[in-house]
């Protein structure tokens, strides 16, 4: 029995050793790339890099195949799609993962067909194509495959056999979209004798550019100017035109100009400031007096100038707390009066205020000052209750009734009351067994806002019978 157990242990150990190194195959198929372009594929967790289709012998387990984009021979990008990952490899079996690359249409190169015309046989053009990291010289008609983007074509004059040839255009721009074909022509022409045209621009402030065009007798624009410039032009008649800029209007003197070979002609372009659209503001009245809690109507008169047509709103500039302005906005097509409401809150302290009314619209702002006098909304009644011969601390009994209601007063006091007429009624009181009668027994008093009225009642002991 003991030898049999030992044999069984040896067999099981051998099986465990084989199980730990069981191998399978992972087949990676890469498709869609042009010849010579390697894929960028990684097998994890092995960390192995694969550049093309390949079959790997790997231990049993689960593997993740990750692919990254690659660049083609013309700069185009190929984007990968992985099919079958993650892949589970089992002993003795082959598992396939496909990595399919497809070209990114937005990265396809464009074709620039550059045609050179007008040069005699043997003469080479002087053209540079620049942009998107490219700086290339072109000597003759050529077809260029370039990555998508914007390119600048610069052509220079060519001297050959004693003659000078000028390119047209000397500068041009090409916007190549993916997969597009764009043709551009550079035409050289033998230089003719030229004269000078001096265009003098005046009247513009620093930083403001003119808009001036020079046209030949066929109506073609030969120069676009932003300031004064001396032009070398073939002999002929030229027309100078100018457009308004930033509120400045041009006047042109000396156009059309005749340019003679070897001579100079001059054209003056004078700019003058144009009145800007705006409006005038006046506010009526310019001063007023209000009590706390009151409001009043102002009239804002608007007069548009120079075609002003924007919407105008009205505000107070940094008003004291509790003072507010409402009304508007207005879109005037002519002179207009706008009613505005000025409100004074109950909490605004009495006093004098200098307010600023602002009207604003269309980038234009106008202001006018307004003098405001705020008075209290209440007055005071100084009520004196006096006693002759009464013990200290004796209290009277006076009823005050009016706009604020009714209240009983027993001692001298200053009352704060709304404006109006108040009735005072005094009643006899007892103190120390003695009856005291008021004199006078009552009356009426007028309380004015911001003022103090007074009334005195004197209590005297009644005569003993």
Foldseek 3Di string as FASTA:
>chain_A
DVVVVVVVVVVVVVVVVCLVAFKFKEWEAEDDADPPFFWFKAKPPVRDTGGHTDMDIDGFDWIFIDTQWDAHPQRWIWGWDKPCPRPTTDGPYYDYIYIYIDTDQQWAWEKEWEAEAADDPPWFWFKWKDDPPGTDTHGHTDIDTHTFAKIKIATQWTDDPNWIKGWPPRIDMDGGTHHYYHYDYIYIDTDDFWFKEWEAEDDDDPPAFWFKFKAFPVRDTPDTGRHIDIDTGHFGWIAMDTCDTDQKGWDKPCPRDTGDGHYYHYIYIYIDGHDDKDKDWDKPPQEDEEEAFDKDKMKIKIAIDDPQFWWKDKFKDPDPPQWGKDWDTDGDPGIDITIMMIGGHLPDDFDKDWIKMWIDTPNDIDIDIHIYGYFYQWFKEFEAEAEDPADPPFWWWKWKADPVGIDTGTHTDIDIGGWDKIKIATAWDDGPNWIWGKVPRIDMDTTDTRYYHYDYIYTYTDDDD
